[in-house]
Amino acid sequence: MNTMSVLALQEYEFERQFNEDEAIRWMQENWKKSFLFSALYAACILGGRHVMKQREKFELRKPLVLWSLTLAAFR
């Protein structure tokens, strides 16, 4: 069995188990939470920027190059 047929089978299983009506109902009941999570995210970003303004910058070029190379090699 090749990889494509396994992937297609997994996608089919997901589609078969996914209940669109249940997902829509959940979103209709919980739409207000998106505003709460957005506000928390914004507070973390702005608060983090305020805290980090007083600190020296991290030197991340080498770790990011290594990260990118490993992603490219194992993809």
PDB file of N, CA and C in Angstrom:
ATOM      1  N   MET A   1       0.852  -1.170   0.000  1.00  0.00           N
ATOM      2  CA  MET A   1       0.000   0.000   0.000  1.00  0.00           C
ATOM      3  C   MET A   1       0.898   1.233   0.000  1.00  0.00           C
ATOM      4  N   ASN A   2       0.728   2.089  -1.005  1.00  0.00           N
ATOM      5  CA  ASN A   2       1.596   3.272  -1.075  1.00  0.00           C
ATOM      6  C   ASN A   2       1.090   4.391  -0.182  1.00  0.00           C
ATOM      7  N   THR A   3       1.908   5.420  -0.052  1.00  0.00           N
ATOM      8  CA  THR A   3       1.607   6.521   0.869  1.00  0.00           C
ATOM      9  C   THR A   3       0.352   7.281   0.454  1.00  0.00           C
ATOM     10  N   MET A   4       0.151   7.477  -0.830  1.00  0.00           N
ATOM     11  CA  MET A   4      -1.006   8.240  -1.297  1.00  0.00           C
ATOM     12  C   MET A   4      -2.317   7.543  -0.940  1.00  0.00           C
ATOM     13  N   SER A   5      -2.372   6.224  -1.077  1.00  0.00           N
ATOM     14  CA  SER A   5      -3.616   5.531  -0.754  1.00  0.00           C
ATOM     15  C   SER A   5      -3.873   5.551   0.750  1.00  0.00           C
ATOM     16  N   VAL A   6      -2.804   5.508   1.561  1.00  0.00           N
ATOM     17  CA  VAL A   6      -2.974   5.604   3.010  1.00  0.00           C
ATOM     18  C   VAL A   6      -3.482   6.993   3.372  1.00  0.00           C
ATOM     19  N   LEU A   7      -2.905   8.024   2.771  1.00  0.00           N
ATOM     20  CA  LEU A   7      -3.339   9.386   3.026  1.00  0.00           C
ATOM     21  C   LEU A   7      -4.791   9.580   2.596  1.00  0.00           C
ATOM     22  N   ALA A   8      -5.142   9.060   1.436  1.00  0.00           N
ATOM     23  CA  ALA A   8      -6.517   9.187   0.960  1.00  0.00           C
ATOM     24  C   ALA A   8      -7.477   8.474   1.906  1.00  0.00           C
ATOM     25  N   LEU A   9      -7.086   7.339   2.428  1.00  0.00           N
ATOM     26  CA  LEU A   9      -7.926   6.603   3.367  1.00  0.00           C
ATOM     27  C   LEU A   9      -8.097   7.409   4.655  1.00  0.00           C
ATOM     28  N   GLN A  10      -7.022   8.014   5.155  1.00  0.00           N
ATOM     29  CA  GLN A  10      -7.121   8.823   6.366  1.00  0.00           C
ATOM     30  C   GLN A  10      -8.027  10.023   6.150  1.00  0.00           C
ATOM     31  N   GLU A  11      -7.914  10.673   5.000  1.00  0.00           N
ATOM     32  CA  GLU A  11      -8.783  11.816   4.717  1.00  0.00           C
ATOM     33  C   GLU A  11     -10.236  11.375   4.649  1.00  0.00           C
ATOM     34  N   TYR A  12     -10.477  10.232   4.062  1.00  0.00           N
ATOM     35  CA  TYR A  12     -11.840   9.719   3.964  1.00  0.00           C
ATOM     36  C   TYR A  12     -12.402   9.430   5.354  1.00  0.00           C
ATOM     37  N   GLU A  13     -11.597   8.844   6.231  1.00  0.00           N
ATOM     38  CA  GLU A  13     -12.050   8.551   7.588  1.00  0.00           C
ATOM     39  C   GLU A  13     -12.414   9.840   8.315  1.00  0.00           C
ATOM     40  N   PHE A  14     -11.595  10.872   8.143  1.00  0.00           N
ATOM     41  CA  PHE A  14     -11.882  12.154   8.787  1.00  0.00           C
ATOM     42  C   PHE A  14     -13.192  12.724   8.254  1.00  0.00           C
ATOM     43  N   GLU A  15     -13.364  12.711   6.938  1.00  0.00           N
ATOM     44  CA  GLU A  15     -14.582  13.253   6.346  1.00  0.00           C
ATOM     45  C   GLU A  15     -15.812  12.479   6.806  1.00  0.00           C
ATOM     46  N   ARG A  16     -15.663  11.194   6.968  1.00  0.00           N
ATOM     47  CA  ARG A  16     -16.800  10.369   7.368  1.00  0.00           C
ATOM     48  C   ARG A  16     -17.184  10.639   8.829  1.00  0.00           C
ATOM     49  N   GLN A  17     -16.207  10.937   9.678  1.00  0.00           N
ATOM     50  CA  GLN A  17     -16.465  11.160  11.090  1.00  0.00           C
ATOM     51  C   GLN A  17     -16.846  12.603  11.395  1.00  0.00           C
ATOM     52  N   PHE A  18     -16.555  13.534  10.491  1.00  0.00           N
ATOM     53  CA  PHE A  18     -16.819  14.952  10.730  1.00  0.00           C
ATOM     54  C   PHE A  18     -18.312  15.238  10.581  1.00  0.00           C
ATOM     55  N   ASN A  19     -18.880  15.874  11.598  1.00  0.00           N
ATOM     56  CA  ASN A  19     -20.296  16.223  11.580  1.00  0.00           C
ATOM     57  C   ASN A  19     -20.403  17.739  11.427  1.00  0.00           C
ATOM     58  N   GLU A  20     -20.758  18.179  10.233  1.00  0.00           N
ATOM     59  CA  GLU A  20     -20.798  19.610   9.932  1.00  0.00           C
ATOM     60  C   GLU A  20     -21.848  20.332  10.769  1.00  0.00           C
ATOM     61  N   ASP A  21     -22.999  19.727  10.957  1.00  0.00           N
ATOM     62  CA  ASP A  21     -24.054  20.370  11.748  1.00  0.00           C
ATOM     63  C   ASP A  21     -23.612  20.590  13.193  1.00  0.00           C
ATOM     64  N   GLU A  22     -22.915  19.607  13.744  1.00  0.00           N
ATOM     65  CA  GLU A  22     -22.417  19.735  15.116  1.00  0.00           C
ATOM     66  C   GLU A  22     -21.371  20.855  15.215  1.00  0.00           C
ATOM     67  N   ALA A  23     -20.511  20.960  14.206  1.00  0.00           N
ATOM     68  CA  ALA A  23     -19.493  22.012  14.196  1.00  0.00           C
ATOM     69  C   ALA A  23     -20.142  23.388  14.085  1.00  0.00           C
ATOM     70  N   ILE A  24     -21.141  23.516  13.253  1.00  0.00           N
ATOM     71  CA  ILE A  24     -21.839  24.799  13.103  1.00  0.00           C
ATOM     72  C   ILE A  24     -22.540  25.172  14.404  1.00  0.00           C
ATOM     73  N   ARG A  25     -23.178  24.216  15.029  1.00  0.00           N
ATOM     74  CA  ARG A  25     -23.860  24.461  16.297  1.00  0.00           C
ATOM     75  C   ARG A  25     -22.868  24.911  17.365  1.00  0.00           C
ATOM     76  N   TRP A  26     -21.700  24.253  17.416  1.00  0.00           N
ATOM     77  CA  TRP A  26     -20.682  24.621  18.396  1.00  0.00           C
ATOM     78  C   TRP A  26     -20.208  26.056  18.165  1.00  0.00           C
ATOM     79  N   MET A  27     -19.983  26.427  16.902  1.00  0.00           N
ATOM     80  CA  MET A  27     -19.538  27.789  16.594  1.00  0.00           C
ATOM     81  C   MET A  27     -20.601  28.819  16.947  1.00  0.00           C
ATOM     82  N   GLN A  28     -21.872  28.491  16.712  1.00  0.00           N
ATOM     83  CA  GLN A  28     -22.942  29.414  17.048  1.00  0.00           C
ATOM     84  C   GLN A  28     -23.054  29.620  18.554  1.00  0.00           C
ATOM     85  N   GLU A  29     -22.780  28.592  19.319  1.00  0.00           N
ATOM     86  CA  GLU A  29     -22.866  28.684  20.780  1.00  0.00           C
ATOM     87  C   GLU A  29     -21.640  29.357  21.390  1.00  0.00           C
ATOM     88  N   ASN A  30     -20.493  29.295  20.724  1.00  0.00           N
ATOM     89  CA  ASN A  30     -19.231  29.744  21.320  1.00  0.00           C
ATOM     90  C   ASN A  30     -18.566  30.890  20.574  1.00  0.00           C
ATOM     91  N   TRP A  31     -19.278  31.631  19.751  1.00  0.00           N
ATOM     92  CA  TRP A  31     -18.650  32.681  18.958  1.00  0.00           C
ATOM     93  C   TRP A  31     -18.081  33.795  19.820  1.00  0.00           C
ATOM     94  N   LYS A  32     -18.626  34.003  21.002  1.00  0.00           N
ATOM     95  CA  LYS A  32     -18.132  35.075  21.867  1.00  0.00           C
ATOM     96  C   LYS A  32     -16.720  34.783  22.382  1.00  0.00           C
ATOM     97  N   LYS A  33     -16.372  33.515  22.466  1.00  0.00           N
ATOM     98  CA  LYS A  33     -15.040  33.146  22.954  1.00  0.00           C
ATOM     99  C   LYS A  33     -13.944  33.655  22.028  1.00  0.00           C
ATOM    100  N   SER A  34     -14.234  33.800  20.741  1.00  0.00           N
ATOM    101  CA  SER A  34     -13.206  34.280  19.812  1.00  0.00           C
ATOM    102  C   SER A  34     -12.764  35.693  20.180  1.00  0.00           C
ATOM    103  N   PHE A  35     -13.691  36.523  20.668  1.00  0.00           N
ATOM    104  CA  PHE A  35     -13.327  37.873  21.084  1.00  0.00           C
ATOM    105  C   PHE A  35     -12.460  37.838  22.342  1.00  0.00           C
ATOM    106  N   LEU A  36     -12.778  36.969  23.264  1.00  0.00           N
ATOM    107  CA  LEU A  36     -11.979  36.827  24.474  1.00  0.00           C
ATOM    108  C   LEU A  36     -10.561  36.383  24.135  1.00  0.00           C
ATOM    109  N   PHE A  37     -10.442  35.349  23.299  1.00  0.00           N
ATOM    110  CA  PHE A  37      -9.123  34.846  22.928  1.00  0.00           C
ATOM    111  C   PHE A  37      -8.339  35.882  22.129  1.00  0.00           C
ATOM    112  N   SER A  38      -9.013  36.655  21.287  1.00  0.00           N
ATOM    113  CA  SER A  38      -8.333  37.710  20.524  1.00  0.00           C
ATOM    114  C   SER A  38      -7.807  38.787  21.456  1.00  0.00           C
ATOM    115  N   ALA A  39      -8.594  39.162  22.454  1.00  0.00           N
ATOM    116  CA  ALA A  39      -8.156  40.177  23.420  1.00  0.00           C
ATOM    117  C   ALA A  39      -6.974  39.663  24.245  1.00  0.00           C
ATOM    118  N   LEU A  40      -7.025  38.409  24.667  1.00  0.00           N
ATOM    119  CA  LEU A  40      -5.902  37.832  25.412  1.00  0.00           C
ATOM    120  C   LEU A  40      -4.639  37.780  24.562  1.00  0.00           C
ATOM    121  N   TYR A  41      -4.796  37.418  23.299  1.00  0.00           N
ATOM    122  CA  TYR A  41      -3.647  37.371  22.389  1.00  0.00           C
ATOM    123  C   TYR A  41      -3.031  38.760  22.240  1.00  0.00           C
ATOM    124  N   ALA A  42      -3.869  39.766  22.009  1.00  0.00           N
ATOM    125  CA  ALA A  42      -3.375  41.137  21.856  1.00  0.00           C
ATOM    126  C   ALA A  42      -2.684  41.607  23.138  1.00  0.00           C
ATOM    127  N   ALA A  43      -3.256  41.283  24.294  1.00  0.00           N
ATOM    128  CA  ALA A  43      -2.649  41.675  25.563  1.00  0.00           C
ATOM    129  C   ALA A  43      -1.283  41.011  25.735  1.00  0.00           C
ATOM    130  N   CYS A  44      -1.168  39.757  25.357  1.00  0.00           N
ATOM    131  CA  CYS A  44       0.128  39.059  25.462  1.00  0.00           C
ATOM    132  C   CYS A  44       1.160  39.677  24.532  1.00  0.00           C
ATOM    133  N   ILE A  45       0.759  40.004  23.310  1.00  0.00           N
ATOM    134  CA  ILE A  45       1.696  40.602  22.356  1.00  0.00           C
ATOM    135  C   ILE A  45       2.146  41.976  22.841  1.00  0.00           C
ATOM    136  N   LEU A  46       1.194  42.821  23.199  1.00  0.00           N
ATOM    137  CA  LEU A  46       1.549  44.169  23.648  1.00  0.00           C
ATOM    138  C   LEU A  46       2.304  44.145  24.975  1.00  0.00           C
ATOM    139  N   GLY A  47       1.877  43.290  25.890  1.00  0.00           N
ATOM    140  CA  GLY A  47       2.575  43.161  27.171  1.00  0.00           C
ATOM    141  C   GLY A  47       3.973  42.618  26.993  1.00  0.00           C
ATOM    142  N   GLY A  48       4.125  41.646  26.107  1.00  0.00           N
ATOM    143  CA  GLY A  48       5.443  41.082  25.830  1.00  0.00           C
ATOM    144  C   GLY A  48       6.386  42.102  25.215  1.00  0.00           C
ATOM    145  N   ARG A  49       5.861  42.909  24.312  1.00  0.00           N
ATOM    146  CA  ARG A  49       6.682  43.964  23.708  1.00  0.00           C
ATOM    147  C   ARG A  49       7.127  44.970  24.764  1.00  0.00           C
ATOM    148  N   HIS A  50       6.227  45.308  25.683  1.00  0.00           N
ATOM    149  CA  HIS A  50       6.559  46.255  26.750  1.00  0.00           C
ATOM    150  C   HIS A  50       7.649  45.684  27.670  1.00  0.00           C
ATOM    151  N   VAL A  51       7.517  44.425  28.041  1.00  0.00           N
ATOM    152  CA  VAL A  51       8.501  43.779  28.913  1.00  0.00           C
ATOM    153  C   VAL A  51       9.848  43.652  28.216  1.00  0.00           C
ATOM    154  N   MET A  52       9.838  43.259  26.944  1.00  0.00           N
ATOM    155  CA  MET A  52      11.087  43.008  26.230  1.00  0.00           C
ATOM    156  C   MET A  52      11.782  44.291  25.771  1.00  0.00           C
ATOM    157  N   LYS A  53      11.105  45.427  25.832  1.00  0.00           N
ATOM    158  CA  LYS A  53      11.709  46.687  25.407  1.00  0.00           C
ATOM    159  C   LYS A  53      12.951  47.007  26.238  1.00  0.00           C
ATOM    160  N   GLN A  54      12.953  46.618  27.500  1.00  0.00           N
ATOM    161  CA  GLN A  54      14.055  46.921  28.411  1.00  0.00           C
ATOM    162  C   GLN A  54      15.203  45.922  28.308  1.00  0.00           C
ATOM    163  N   ARG A  55      15.009  44.836  27.605  1.00  0.00           N
ATOM    164  CA  ARG A  55      16.027  43.770  27.548  1.00  0.00           C
ATOM    165  C   ARG A  55      16.822  43.849  26.253  1.00  0.00           C
ATOM    166  N   GLU A  56      17.993  43.220  26.255  1.00  0.00           N
ATOM    167  CA  GLU A  56      18.779  43.182  25.030  1.00  0.00           C
ATOM    168  C   GLU A  56      18.210  42.132  24.085  1.00  0.00           C
ATOM    169  N   LYS A  57      18.481  42.313  22.805  1.00  0.00           N
ATOM    170  CA  LYS A  57      17.945  41.429  21.781  1.00  0.00           C
ATOM    171  C   LYS A  57      18.598  40.056  21.847  1.00  0.00           C
ATOM    172  N   PHE A  58      17.826  39.034  21.480  1.00  0.00           N
ATOM    173  CA  PHE A  58      18.361  37.684  21.356  1.00  0.00           C
ATOM    174  C   PHE A  58      19.035  37.547  19.994  1.00  0.00           C
ATOM    175  N   GLU A  59      20.098  36.788  19.936  1.00  0.00           N
ATOM    176  CA  GLU A  59      20.747  36.485  18.664  1.00  0.00           C
ATOM    177  C   GLU A  59      20.226  35.122  18.200  1.00  0.00           C
ATOM    178  N   LEU A  60      19.272  35.145  17.290  1.00  0.00           N
ATOM    179  CA  LEU A  60      18.594  33.914  16.879  1.00  0.00           C
ATOM    180  C   LEU A  60      18.897  33.496  15.449  1.00  0.00           C
ATOM    181  N   ARG A  61      19.794  34.191  14.766  1.00  0.00           N
ATOM    182  CA  ARG A  61      20.042  33.863  13.368  1.00  0.00           C
ATOM    183  C   ARG A  61      20.531  32.420  13.198  1.00  0.00           C
ATOM    184  N   LYS A  62      21.516  32.004  13.980  1.00  0.00           N
ATOM    185  CA  LYS A  62      22.061  30.644  13.836  1.00  0.00           C
ATOM    186  C   LYS A  62      21.032  29.571  14.182  1.00  0.00           C
ATOM    187  N   PRO A  63      20.298  29.686  15.300  1.00  0.00           N
ATOM    188  CA  PRO A  63      19.272  28.659  15.559  1.00  0.00           C
ATOM    189  C   PRO A  63      18.184  28.621  14.484  1.00  0.00           C
ATOM    190  N   LEU A  64      17.826  29.771  13.915  1.00  0.00           N
ATOM    191  CA  LEU A  64      16.809  29.783  12.875  1.00  0.00           C
ATOM    192  C   LEU A  64      17.321  29.170  11.572  1.00  0.00           C
ATOM    193  N   VAL A  65      18.584  29.390  11.247  1.00  0.00           N
ATOM    194  CA  VAL A  65      19.172  28.758  10.067  1.00  0.00           C
ATOM    195  C   VAL A  65      19.188  27.243  10.261  1.00  0.00           C
ATOM    196  N   LEU A  66      19.599  26.791  11.428  1.00  0.00           N
ATOM    197  CA  LEU A  66      19.609  25.356  11.719  1.00  0.00           C
ATOM    198  C   LEU A  66      18.199  24.770  11.641  1.00  0.00           C
ATOM    199  N   TRP A  67      17.240  25.482  12.197  1.00  0.00           N
ATOM    200  CA  TRP A  67      15.833  25.042  12.148  1.00  0.00           C
ATOM    201  C   TRP A  67      15.359  24.911  10.699  1.00  0.00           C
ATOM    202  N   SER A  68      15.650  25.899   9.889  1.00  0.00           N
ATOM    203  CA  SER A  68      15.223  25.883   8.497  1.00  0.00           C
ATOM    204  C   SER A  68      15.882  24.746   7.719  1.00  0.00           C
ATOM    205  N   LEU A  69      17.160  24.528   7.988  1.00  0.00           N
ATOM    206  CA  LEU A  69      17.858  23.436   7.298  1.00  0.00           C
ATOM    207  C   LEU A  69      17.285  22.071   7.684  1.00  0.00           C
ATOM    208  N   THR A  70      16.983  21.878   8.971  1.00  0.00           N
ATOM    209  CA  THR A  70      16.410  20.589   9.377  1.00  0.00           C
ATOM    210  C   THR A  70      15.011  20.412   8.798  1.00  0.00           C
ATOM    211  N   LEU A  71      14.251  21.480   8.710  1.00  0.00           N
ATOM    212  CA  LEU A  71      12.927  21.362   8.081  1.00  0.00           C
ATOM    213  C   LEU A  71      13.056  20.985   6.613  1.00  0.00           C
ATOM    214  N   ALA A  72      14.009  21.601   5.926  1.00  0.00           N
ATOM    215  CA  ALA A  72      14.203  21.309   4.508  1.00  0.00           C
ATOM    216  C   ALA A  72      14.722  19.883   4.304  1.00  0.00           C
ATOM    217  N   ALA A  73      15.573  19.426   5.192  1.00  0.00           N
ATOM    218  CA  ALA A  73      16.165  18.093   5.038  1.00  0.00           C
ATOM    219  C   ALA A  73      15.159  16.975   5.321  1.00  0.00           C
ATOM    220  N   PHE A  74      14.269  17.173   6.271  1.00  0.00           N
ATOM    221  CA  PHE A  74      13.366  16.096   6.668  1.00  0.00           C
ATOM    222  C   PHE A  74      11.971  16.229   6.086  1.00  0.00           C
ATOM    223  N   ARG A  75      11.775  17.112   5.173  1.00  0.00           N
ATOM    224  CA  ARG A  75      10.454  17.284   4.564  1.00  0.00           C
ATOM    225  C   ARG A  75      10.215  16.262   3.521  1.00  0.00           C
TER     226      ARG A  75
END
